[in-house]
N, C-alpha and C. Protein backbone atom coordinates (compact mmCIF):
# COMPACT_ATOMS: atom_id res chain seq x y z
N MET A 1 -6.96 -13.70 8.70
CA MET A 1 -7.16 -12.28 8.67
C MET A 1 -8.43 -11.97 9.45
N GLY A 2 -8.26 -11.43 10.64
CA GLY A 2 -9.41 -11.16 11.48
C GLY A 2 -10.06 -9.83 11.18
N LYS A 3 -11.30 -9.77 11.47
CA LYS A 3 -12.06 -8.52 11.30
C LYS A 3 -12.24 -7.91 12.69
N THR A 4 -12.19 -6.61 12.76
CA THR A 4 -12.51 -5.93 14.01
C THR A 4 -13.97 -5.57 13.96
N SER A 5 -14.60 -5.56 15.11
CA SER A 5 -16.02 -5.25 15.11
C SER A 5 -16.23 -3.76 15.36
N LEU A 6 -17.27 -3.27 14.76
CA LEU A 6 -17.66 -1.88 14.99
C LEU A 6 -18.32 -1.79 16.35
N GLN A 7 -18.01 -0.74 17.06
CA GLN A 7 -18.66 -0.50 18.34
C GLN A 7 -19.58 0.69 18.15
N ASN A 8 -20.86 0.43 18.19
CA ASN A 8 -21.85 1.49 17.96
C ASN A 8 -21.62 2.18 16.61
N GLY A 9 -21.26 1.42 15.58
CA GLY A 9 -21.05 1.99 14.25
C GLY A 9 -19.74 2.75 14.10
N THR A 10 -18.83 2.61 15.06
CA THR A 10 -17.57 3.34 15.07
C THR A 10 -16.40 2.35 14.99
N PRO A 11 -15.36 2.67 14.21
CA PRO A 11 -14.18 1.79 14.18
C PRO A 11 -13.54 1.71 15.56
N SER A 12 -12.89 0.62 15.82
CA SER A 12 -12.21 0.45 17.11
C SER A 12 -11.11 1.49 17.27
N PRO A 13 -10.68 1.76 18.48
CA PRO A 13 -9.56 2.69 18.70
C PRO A 13 -8.29 2.25 17.95
N ALA A 14 -8.04 0.97 17.85
CA ALA A 14 -6.85 0.48 17.14
C ALA A 14 -6.94 0.81 15.65
N ILE A 15 -8.11 0.62 15.06
CA ILE A 15 -8.30 0.94 13.64
C ILE A 15 -8.14 2.43 13.42
N THR A 16 -8.69 3.23 14.31
CA THR A 16 -8.57 4.68 14.19
C THR A 16 -7.11 5.11 14.31
N ARG A 17 -6.38 4.55 15.28
CA ARG A 17 -4.95 4.87 15.43
C ARG A 17 -4.16 4.44 14.20
N ALA A 18 -4.50 3.28 13.64
CA ALA A 18 -3.81 2.80 12.43
C ALA A 18 -4.03 3.78 11.28
N TRP A 19 -5.26 4.24 11.11
CA TRP A 19 -5.57 5.18 10.03
C TRP A 19 -4.80 6.48 10.22
N ILE A 20 -4.84 7.04 11.41
CA ILE A 20 -4.15 8.30 11.68
C ILE A 20 -2.64 8.12 11.48
N GLY A 21 -2.09 7.03 11.97
CA GLY A 21 -0.66 6.76 11.80
C GLY A 21 -0.27 6.62 10.34
N LEU A 22 -1.09 5.94 9.58
CA LEU A 22 -0.83 5.75 8.15
C LEU A 22 -0.82 7.09 7.43
N MET A 23 -1.81 7.91 7.69
CA MET A 23 -1.91 9.22 7.02
C MET A 23 -0.77 10.14 7.44
N ARG A 24 -0.44 10.17 8.72
CA ARG A 24 0.67 11.03 9.18
C ARG A 24 2.00 10.56 8.60
N ALA A 25 2.21 9.26 8.61
CA ALA A 25 3.47 8.73 8.06
C ALA A 25 3.58 9.07 6.58
N GLN A 26 2.50 8.90 5.83
CA GLN A 26 2.53 9.23 4.40
C GLN A 26 2.87 10.69 4.19
N GLN A 27 2.22 11.58 4.91
CA GLN A 27 2.47 13.01 4.75
C GLN A 27 3.92 13.36 5.09
N ARG A 28 4.42 12.82 6.18
CA ARG A 28 5.79 13.15 6.60
C ARG A 28 6.83 12.62 5.63
N VAL A 29 6.66 11.38 5.19
CA VAL A 29 7.65 10.80 4.28
C VAL A 29 7.59 11.50 2.93
N LEU A 30 6.41 11.76 2.41
CA LEU A 30 6.30 12.47 1.13
C LEU A 30 6.92 13.86 1.23
N ALA A 31 6.67 14.57 2.32
CA ALA A 31 7.26 15.90 2.49
C ALA A 31 8.78 15.82 2.54
N ALA A 32 9.31 14.80 3.22
CA ALA A 32 10.76 14.64 3.31
C ALA A 32 11.37 14.33 1.95
N ILE A 33 10.71 13.48 1.17
CA ILE A 33 11.20 13.14 -0.17
C ILE A 33 11.15 14.37 -1.07
N GLU A 34 10.06 15.12 -1.02
CA GLU A 34 9.96 16.35 -1.82
C GLU A 34 11.07 17.32 -1.44
N LYS A 35 11.37 17.44 -0.15
CA LYS A 35 12.43 18.33 0.31
C LYS A 35 13.79 17.87 -0.25
N ASP A 36 14.02 16.55 -0.24
CA ASP A 36 15.27 16.02 -0.80
C ASP A 36 15.39 16.34 -2.29
N PHE A 37 14.29 16.20 -3.03
CA PHE A 37 14.30 16.54 -4.46
C PHE A 37 14.62 18.02 -4.65
N LYS A 38 13.94 18.87 -3.87
CA LYS A 38 14.16 20.31 -4.01
C LYS A 38 15.61 20.67 -3.68
N SER A 39 16.16 20.07 -2.61
CA SER A 39 17.56 20.34 -2.23
C SER A 39 18.53 19.92 -3.33
N ALA A 40 18.17 18.89 -4.08
CA ALA A 40 19.02 18.40 -5.17
C ALA A 40 18.77 19.15 -6.47
N GLY A 41 17.88 20.15 -6.45
CA GLY A 41 17.57 20.91 -7.66
C GLY A 41 16.76 20.12 -8.67
N LEU A 42 15.97 19.17 -8.18
CA LEU A 42 15.16 18.31 -9.05
C LEU A 42 13.69 18.70 -9.00
N PRO A 43 12.94 18.32 -10.02
CA PRO A 43 11.50 18.60 -10.01
C PRO A 43 10.78 17.74 -8.96
N PRO A 44 9.50 18.00 -8.75
CA PRO A 44 8.72 17.26 -7.74
C PRO A 44 8.52 15.78 -8.07
N LEU A 45 8.13 15.05 -7.04
CA LEU A 45 7.92 13.60 -7.13
C LEU A 45 6.92 13.21 -8.21
N GLY A 46 5.90 14.02 -8.45
CA GLY A 46 4.91 13.71 -9.49
C GLY A 46 5.56 13.53 -10.86
N TRP A 47 6.60 14.29 -11.14
CA TRP A 47 7.33 14.15 -12.40
C TRP A 47 7.93 12.75 -12.47
N TYR A 48 8.56 12.34 -11.38
CA TYR A 48 9.18 11.01 -11.36
C TYR A 48 8.13 9.93 -11.63
N ASP A 49 6.99 10.03 -10.96
CA ASP A 49 5.95 9.01 -11.11
C ASP A 49 5.53 8.84 -12.57
N VAL A 50 5.31 9.96 -13.26
CA VAL A 50 4.90 9.89 -14.67
C VAL A 50 6.03 9.32 -15.53
N LEU A 51 7.24 9.83 -15.33
CA LEU A 51 8.38 9.34 -16.13
C LEU A 51 8.62 7.85 -15.88
N TRP A 52 8.49 7.40 -14.64
CA TRP A 52 8.69 5.98 -14.31
C TRP A 52 7.65 5.11 -15.00
N GLU A 53 6.40 5.54 -14.99
CA GLU A 53 5.35 4.74 -15.66
C GLU A 53 5.63 4.66 -17.15
N LEU A 54 6.12 5.74 -17.75
CA LEU A 54 6.46 5.72 -19.17
C LEU A 54 7.66 4.83 -19.45
N VAL A 55 8.67 4.87 -18.60
CA VAL A 55 9.84 4.00 -18.77
C VAL A 55 9.41 2.53 -18.75
N LYS A 56 8.51 2.17 -17.83
CA LYS A 56 8.07 0.78 -17.70
C LYS A 56 7.16 0.34 -18.84
N ALA A 57 6.49 1.28 -19.49
CA ALA A 57 5.48 0.95 -20.50
C ALA A 57 6.12 0.42 -21.78
N ASP A 58 5.38 -0.44 -22.45
CA ASP A 58 5.81 -0.96 -23.75
C ASP A 58 6.01 0.19 -24.72
N GLY A 59 7.21 0.30 -25.28
CA GLY A 59 7.50 1.36 -26.23
C GLY A 59 7.69 2.73 -25.59
N GLY A 60 7.69 2.80 -24.24
CA GLY A 60 7.87 4.07 -23.55
C GLY A 60 6.73 5.03 -23.77
N ARG A 61 5.54 4.50 -23.99
CA ARG A 61 4.40 5.37 -24.28
C ARG A 61 3.13 4.84 -23.64
N LEU A 62 2.29 5.79 -23.23
CA LEU A 62 0.99 5.49 -22.64
C LEU A 62 0.01 6.57 -23.08
N ARG A 63 -1.26 6.25 -23.01
CA ARG A 63 -2.28 7.26 -23.22
C ARG A 63 -2.51 7.97 -21.89
N PRO A 64 -2.96 9.22 -21.92
CA PRO A 64 -3.12 9.96 -20.66
C PRO A 64 -3.96 9.22 -19.61
N PHE A 65 -5.06 8.59 -20.02
CA PHE A 65 -5.89 7.90 -19.04
C PHE A 65 -5.15 6.73 -18.42
N GLU A 66 -4.20 6.12 -19.14
CA GLU A 66 -3.41 5.03 -18.58
C GLU A 66 -2.43 5.57 -17.52
N ILE A 67 -1.86 6.73 -17.79
CA ILE A 67 -0.97 7.35 -16.80
C ILE A 67 -1.77 7.69 -15.55
N GLU A 68 -2.95 8.25 -15.74
CA GLU A 68 -3.80 8.60 -14.61
C GLU A 68 -4.12 7.37 -13.77
N ALA A 69 -4.44 6.25 -14.42
CA ALA A 69 -4.79 5.02 -13.70
C ALA A 69 -3.60 4.44 -12.95
N ARG A 70 -2.38 4.68 -13.43
CA ARG A 70 -1.19 4.10 -12.82
C ARG A 70 -0.54 5.01 -11.77
N THR A 71 -0.98 6.25 -11.68
CA THR A 71 -0.43 7.19 -10.71
C THR A 71 -1.54 7.67 -9.80
N LEU A 72 -1.19 8.51 -8.86
CA LEU A 72 -2.19 9.08 -7.95
C LEU A 72 -2.61 10.48 -8.37
N LEU A 73 -2.30 10.84 -9.61
CA LEU A 73 -2.57 12.19 -10.08
C LEU A 73 -3.97 12.29 -10.67
N ALA A 74 -4.69 13.33 -10.28
CA ALA A 74 -6.01 13.60 -10.86
C ALA A 74 -5.83 14.07 -12.30
N GLN A 75 -6.85 13.85 -13.14
CA GLN A 75 -6.75 14.16 -14.56
C GLN A 75 -6.36 15.61 -14.82
N TYR A 76 -6.97 16.56 -14.10
CA TYR A 76 -6.67 17.97 -14.36
C TYR A 76 -5.23 18.31 -13.98
N ASN A 77 -4.70 17.70 -12.90
CA ASN A 77 -3.29 17.91 -12.54
C ASN A 77 -2.37 17.24 -13.55
N LEU A 78 -2.77 16.07 -14.02
CA LEU A 78 -1.96 15.32 -14.97
C LEU A 78 -1.82 16.08 -16.29
N SER A 79 -2.88 16.68 -16.76
CA SER A 79 -2.80 17.43 -18.02
C SER A 79 -1.78 18.56 -17.93
N ARG A 80 -1.82 19.30 -16.82
CA ARG A 80 -0.85 20.38 -16.63
C ARG A 80 0.56 19.85 -16.50
N LEU A 81 0.71 18.73 -15.79
CA LEU A 81 2.03 18.14 -15.61
C LEU A 81 2.60 17.67 -16.95
N ILE A 82 1.78 17.04 -17.77
CA ILE A 82 2.24 16.59 -19.09
C ILE A 82 2.66 17.80 -19.93
N ASP A 83 1.89 18.88 -19.84
CA ASP A 83 2.29 20.11 -20.55
C ASP A 83 3.68 20.56 -20.12
N ARG A 84 3.93 20.54 -18.80
CA ARG A 84 5.24 20.96 -18.30
C ARG A 84 6.35 20.01 -18.74
N LEU A 85 6.07 18.71 -18.65
CA LEU A 85 7.06 17.72 -19.08
C LEU A 85 7.39 17.89 -20.56
N GLU A 86 6.38 18.20 -21.36
CA GLU A 86 6.60 18.41 -22.79
C GLU A 86 7.43 19.67 -23.04
N ARG A 87 7.11 20.75 -22.34
CA ARG A 87 7.90 21.99 -22.48
C ARG A 87 9.36 21.78 -22.12
N GLU A 88 9.62 20.89 -21.16
CA GLU A 88 11.00 20.59 -20.73
C GLU A 88 11.69 19.58 -21.65
N GLY A 89 10.94 19.04 -22.63
CA GLY A 89 11.52 18.08 -23.56
C GLY A 89 11.63 16.67 -23.00
N LEU A 90 10.90 16.38 -21.91
CA LEU A 90 10.99 15.07 -21.26
C LEU A 90 10.00 14.06 -21.83
N VAL A 91 8.93 14.57 -22.44
CA VAL A 91 7.94 13.72 -23.13
C VAL A 91 7.54 14.45 -24.41
N ARG A 92 6.90 13.72 -25.29
CA ARG A 92 6.28 14.33 -26.48
C ARG A 92 4.94 13.65 -26.69
N ARG A 93 4.05 14.37 -27.33
CA ARG A 93 2.73 13.82 -27.67
C ARG A 93 2.78 13.32 -29.11
N GLU A 94 2.17 12.18 -29.34
CA GLU A 94 2.04 11.63 -30.69
C GLU A 94 0.58 11.26 -30.90
N THR A 95 0.05 11.56 -32.07
CA THR A 95 -1.31 11.14 -32.39
C THR A 95 -1.28 9.73 -32.95
N PHE A 96 -2.38 9.01 -32.77
CA PHE A 96 -2.41 7.64 -33.29
C PHE A 96 -3.68 7.29 -34.03
N ASP A 97 -4.55 8.24 -34.29
CA ASP A 97 -5.71 7.91 -35.11
C ASP A 97 -5.93 8.98 -36.18
N ALA A 98 -6.80 8.68 -37.11
CA ALA A 98 -6.97 9.52 -38.29
C ALA A 98 -7.43 10.94 -37.97
N ASP A 99 -8.26 11.11 -36.95
CA ASP A 99 -8.75 12.46 -36.66
C ASP A 99 -7.89 13.18 -35.62
N SER A 100 -6.76 12.61 -35.25
CA SER A 100 -5.78 13.22 -34.34
C SER A 100 -6.29 13.44 -32.92
N ARG A 101 -7.38 12.77 -32.55
CA ARG A 101 -7.86 12.94 -31.18
C ARG A 101 -7.15 12.00 -30.22
N GLY A 102 -6.78 10.82 -30.68
CA GLY A 102 -6.08 9.88 -29.82
C GLY A 102 -4.62 10.27 -29.70
N ARG A 103 -4.11 10.27 -28.49
CA ARG A 103 -2.72 10.71 -28.27
C ARG A 103 -1.97 9.75 -27.37
N TRP A 104 -0.72 9.55 -27.72
CA TRP A 104 0.23 8.87 -26.86
C TRP A 104 1.05 9.94 -26.16
N ILE A 105 1.47 9.66 -24.96
CA ILE A 105 2.50 10.43 -24.28
C ILE A 105 3.73 9.54 -24.31
N VAL A 106 4.80 10.03 -24.93
CA VAL A 106 6.00 9.22 -25.18
C VAL A 106 7.18 9.84 -24.44
N ILE A 107 7.91 9.03 -23.71
CA ILE A 107 9.09 9.54 -23.00
C ILE A 107 10.23 9.74 -24.01
N THR A 108 10.98 10.82 -23.82
CA THR A 108 12.14 11.10 -24.68
C THR A 108 13.40 10.60 -23.99
N GLU A 109 14.51 10.65 -24.69
CA GLU A 109 15.79 10.28 -24.07
C GLU A 109 16.10 11.23 -22.91
N GLU A 110 15.76 12.51 -23.07
CA GLU A 110 15.95 13.47 -21.98
C GLU A 110 15.09 13.09 -20.78
N GLY A 111 13.88 12.59 -21.03
CA GLY A 111 13.01 12.14 -19.96
C GLY A 111 13.58 10.94 -19.24
N ARG A 112 14.15 10.01 -20.01
CA ARG A 112 14.78 8.84 -19.38
C ARG A 112 15.97 9.26 -18.51
N ALA A 113 16.75 10.22 -19.00
CA ALA A 113 17.91 10.70 -18.25
C ALA A 113 17.45 11.42 -16.97
N MET A 114 16.39 12.21 -17.07
CA MET A 114 15.88 12.91 -15.88
C MET A 114 15.36 11.91 -14.86
N ARG A 115 14.64 10.89 -15.31
CA ARG A 115 14.12 9.88 -14.38
C ARG A 115 15.29 9.21 -13.66
N GLU A 116 16.35 8.91 -14.37
CA GLU A 116 17.52 8.28 -13.76
C GLU A 116 18.17 9.22 -12.75
N ARG A 117 18.31 10.50 -13.08
CA ARG A 117 18.86 11.48 -12.13
C ARG A 117 17.99 11.56 -10.88
N MET A 118 16.69 11.60 -11.10
CA MET A 118 15.77 11.67 -9.97
C MET A 118 15.86 10.41 -9.11
N TRP A 119 16.03 9.25 -9.75
CA TRP A 119 16.10 8.01 -9.01
C TRP A 119 17.29 8.00 -8.04
N GLN A 120 18.41 8.58 -8.43
CA GLN A 120 19.58 8.62 -7.55
C GLN A 120 19.21 9.28 -6.22
N THR A 121 18.51 10.39 -6.28
CA THR A 121 18.07 11.08 -5.06
C THR A 121 16.96 10.32 -4.37
N TYR A 122 16.01 9.82 -5.15
CA TYR A 122 14.86 9.10 -4.61
C TYR A 122 15.31 7.87 -3.83
N ALA A 123 16.23 7.11 -4.39
CA ALA A 123 16.72 5.89 -3.73
C ALA A 123 17.34 6.22 -2.38
N ARG A 124 18.19 7.25 -2.35
CA ARG A 124 18.81 7.65 -1.08
C ARG A 124 17.74 8.13 -0.10
N SER A 125 16.76 8.85 -0.61
CA SER A 125 15.69 9.37 0.23
C SER A 125 14.86 8.24 0.83
N LEU A 126 14.52 7.25 0.02
CA LEU A 126 13.76 6.09 0.52
C LEU A 126 14.55 5.37 1.61
N GLU A 127 15.83 5.22 1.38
CA GLU A 127 16.67 4.53 2.37
C GLU A 127 16.70 5.34 3.68
N ARG A 128 16.89 6.64 3.57
CA ARG A 128 16.99 7.49 4.76
C ARG A 128 15.66 7.56 5.52
N HIS A 129 14.55 7.74 4.82
CA HIS A 129 13.28 8.00 5.48
C HIS A 129 12.46 6.75 5.77
N ILE A 130 12.82 5.63 5.15
CA ILE A 130 12.10 4.37 5.41
C ILE A 130 13.08 3.27 5.80
N GLY A 131 14.08 3.03 4.96
CA GLY A 131 15.00 1.92 5.19
C GLY A 131 15.75 2.01 6.50
N ASP A 132 16.12 3.21 6.91
CA ASP A 132 16.84 3.36 8.18
C ASP A 132 15.96 3.12 9.40
N LYS A 133 14.66 3.06 9.20
CA LYS A 133 13.71 2.91 10.31
C LYS A 133 13.25 1.46 10.52
N PHE A 134 13.51 0.60 9.53
CA PHE A 134 13.02 -0.77 9.60
C PHE A 134 14.11 -1.76 9.22
N SER A 135 14.08 -2.93 9.85
CA SER A 135 14.93 -4.03 9.39
C SER A 135 14.31 -4.57 8.10
N GLU A 136 15.04 -5.42 7.40
CA GLU A 136 14.47 -6.03 6.18
C GLU A 136 13.22 -6.83 6.50
N ALA A 137 13.25 -7.57 7.60
CA ALA A 137 12.07 -8.37 7.99
C ALA A 137 10.89 -7.46 8.31
N GLU A 138 11.13 -6.36 9.01
CA GLU A 138 10.05 -5.42 9.33
C GLU A 138 9.51 -4.77 8.05
N ALA A 139 10.39 -4.42 7.12
CA ALA A 139 9.95 -3.82 5.86
C ALA A 139 9.08 -4.80 5.08
N ARG A 140 9.48 -6.07 5.04
CA ARG A 140 8.66 -7.09 4.36
C ARG A 140 7.30 -7.22 5.03
N GLU A 141 7.29 -7.23 6.36
CA GLU A 141 6.04 -7.34 7.10
C GLU A 141 5.14 -6.14 6.84
N LEU A 142 5.72 -4.94 6.87
CA LEU A 142 4.95 -3.73 6.60
C LEU A 142 4.39 -3.76 5.18
N ALA A 143 5.21 -4.13 4.21
CA ALA A 143 4.75 -4.23 2.82
C ALA A 143 3.60 -5.21 2.70
N ALA A 144 3.70 -6.34 3.38
CA ALA A 144 2.63 -7.34 3.33
C ALA A 144 1.34 -6.79 3.95
N LEU A 145 1.46 -6.11 5.08
CA LEU A 145 0.28 -5.53 5.71
C LEU A 145 -0.37 -4.47 4.82
N LEU A 146 0.45 -3.60 4.27
CA LEU A 146 -0.08 -2.53 3.41
C LEU A 146 -0.69 -3.07 2.12
N SER A 147 -0.14 -4.18 1.61
CA SER A 147 -0.68 -4.76 0.37
C SER A 147 -2.14 -5.19 0.55
N ARG A 148 -2.53 -5.46 1.76
CA ARG A 148 -3.93 -5.84 2.01
C ARG A 148 -4.87 -4.65 1.83
N LEU A 149 -4.34 -3.45 1.84
CA LEU A 149 -5.16 -2.25 1.62
C LEU A 149 -5.22 -1.87 0.15
N ALA A 150 -4.30 -2.38 -0.62
CA ALA A 150 -4.20 -1.97 -2.04
C ALA A 150 -5.21 -2.68 -2.91
């Protein structure tokens, strides 16, 4: 794994192009996925992310700070999103300590069903906007390169 050298304290042109390409690709693909969700009459991608983390969690429940750590959602956005998910019956809050300050966010059966509905669109969207652009070998290579940034 080679390092590129800074030229006068500035990243190389290749590093700059990589950064710009990464950011543009992320914006375009996310916008396309959101459009696919909207066309299918589904909620935004952030809903899927929270529901997926809850599905994967032991007992289908996490504390809010755990959801925040596992997603890209800021705490203030997450609180509002959890409120919306609860109003839709997709999650419920449960207290777990004597003074009722500690809370679990628990996925409901309706939440599991919504996540599955969303996945049907999401899977097709990923295939269309990413899978159709890369061979399996290229996708593996891209995943390996990106994992070095994670």
